[in-house]
Amino acid sequence: MKKTLFLLSLFLVFVVCACAMPTTTVKTVDDRPTLAFKNAPDGATLFVDGINMGPAAQYNGEPRVLAVEPGTHTVRVTLNNQVLYEQRVFVEGSLKTIIIR
């Protein structure tokens, strides 16, 4: 009787393990426009709409870029409190590369 009960329990465990619930995977694509900054010197700081985004050189497009909302943004790059680049830029659905001179 105990052996039959054990085998029945073991069978039920296998049946329950075999009945997995279906899974669904949803992937979303971030299609916001992006900005890349070429020739930004080390130590230069990036500001977008007055918000400090960190070192400008990290968004060189290889591989990192900065995703922004579509529209017009004020972009400023500074180094030691000196403005290297400041411009209002319009971005929509693609990569915009800004070259720092």
Protein backbone atom coordinates (compact mmCIF):
# COMPACT_ATOMS: atom_id res chain seq x y z
CA MET A 1 0.00 0.00 0.00
CA LYS A 2 2.82 2.39 0.90
CA LYS A 3 4.65 1.56 -2.31
CA THR A 4 1.52 2.22 -4.38
CA LEU A 5 0.93 5.52 -2.58
CA PHE A 6 4.56 6.51 -3.17
CA LEU A 7 4.36 5.66 -6.88
CA LEU A 8 1.08 7.57 -7.20
CA SER A 9 2.62 10.59 -5.47
CA LEU A 10 5.67 10.40 -7.70
CA PHE A 11 3.46 10.17 -10.79
CA LEU A 12 1.46 13.23 -9.67
CA VAL A 13 4.67 15.22 -9.16
CA PHE A 14 5.79 14.42 -12.72
CA VAL A 15 2.37 15.34 -14.12
CA VAL A 16 2.32 18.67 -12.28
CA CYS A 17 5.88 19.49 -13.34
CA ALA A 18 5.07 18.73 -16.97
CA CYS A 19 2.13 21.13 -17.01
CA ALA A 20 3.84 24.49 -17.21
CA MET A 21 1.88 27.64 -17.81
CA PRO A 22 2.49 29.32 -21.16
CA THR A 23 4.82 32.30 -21.07
CA THR A 24 4.69 35.50 -23.10
CA THR A 25 7.62 37.77 -23.82
CA VAL A 26 7.01 41.37 -24.78
CA LYS A 27 9.88 43.42 -26.20
CA THR A 28 9.67 47.15 -26.73
CA VAL A 29 11.91 49.20 -28.95
CA ASP A 30 13.21 52.55 -27.76
CA ASP A 31 12.81 54.63 -30.90
CA ARG A 32 13.52 58.00 -29.32
CA PRO A 33 15.99 60.23 -31.17
CA THR A 34 19.58 60.10 -30.00
CA LEU A 35 22.51 62.51 -29.76
CA ALA A 36 26.20 61.71 -30.18
CA PHE A 37 29.11 64.09 -29.56
CA LYS A 38 32.33 63.80 -31.56
CA ASN A 39 35.64 65.38 -30.51
CA ALA A 40 34.47 66.24 -26.98
CA PRO A 41 37.60 66.65 -24.87
CA ASP A 42 38.09 64.67 -21.67
CA GLY A 43 36.63 66.57 -18.75
CA ALA A 44 33.99 68.37 -20.84
CA THR A 45 30.49 68.34 -19.33
CA LEU A 46 27.28 67.99 -21.32
CA PHE A 47 24.11 69.89 -20.45
CA VAL A 48 20.79 69.26 -22.18
CA ASP A 49 18.03 71.74 -21.37
CA GLY A 50 20.09 72.88 -18.36
CA ILE A 51 20.40 69.37 -16.92
CA ASN A 52 23.90 68.00 -16.31
CA MET A 53 24.17 64.75 -18.29
CA GLY A 54 27.76 64.02 -17.25
CA PRO A 55 30.91 63.76 -19.34
CA ALA A 56 30.24 64.64 -22.99
CA ALA A 57 32.94 62.22 -24.20
CA GLN A 58 30.95 59.21 -22.97
CA TYR A 59 28.26 59.93 -25.60
CA ASN A 60 30.63 59.58 -28.54
CA GLY A 61 28.34 57.25 -30.49
CA GLU A 62 30.71 54.30 -30.13
CA PRO A 63 28.71 52.67 -28.61
CA ARG A 64 26.93 55.09 -26.25
CA VAL A 65 24.48 57.75 -27.35
CA LEU A 66 22.09 59.96 -25.41
CA ALA A 67 18.38 59.25 -25.97
CA VAL A 68 16.19 62.37 -25.80
CA GLU A 69 12.55 63.15 -26.44
CA PRO A 70 11.68 64.42 -29.93
CA GLY A 71 11.67 68.20 -30.26
CA THR A 72 13.94 71.17 -29.69
CA HIS A 73 16.61 71.04 -26.98
CA THR A 74 19.29 73.42 -25.78
CA VAL A 75 22.63 71.59 -25.85
CA ARG A 76 25.73 72.99 -24.14
CA VAL A 77 29.19 71.50 -23.67
CA THR A 78 31.54 73.18 -21.18
CA LEU A 79 35.10 72.65 -20.05
CA ASN A 80 36.41 74.45 -16.95
CA ASN A 81 33.46 76.88 -17.02
CA GLN A 82 34.21 77.77 -20.67
CA VAL A 83 31.44 77.08 -23.21
CA LEU A 84 32.78 74.91 -26.06
CA TYR A 85 29.45 74.42 -27.78
CA GLU A 86 25.97 75.83 -27.27
CA GLN A 87 23.10 75.43 -29.69
CA ARG A 88 19.38 74.80 -29.85
CA VAL A 89 18.93 71.60 -31.84
CA PHE A 90 15.83 69.93 -33.23
CA VAL A 91 15.81 66.13 -33.13
CA GLU A 92 13.26 63.66 -34.34
CA GLY A 93 13.51 59.94 -35.11
CA SER A 94 17.20 59.34 -35.75
CA LEU A 95 20.78 59.88 -34.60
CA LYS A 96 22.08 63.44 -34.64
CA THR A 97 25.85 63.78 -34.34
CA ILE A 98 27.22 67.05 -32.96
CA ILE A 99 30.86 67.81 -33.67
CA ILE A 100 32.66 69.82 -30.98
CA ARG A 101 35.30 72.14 -32.48
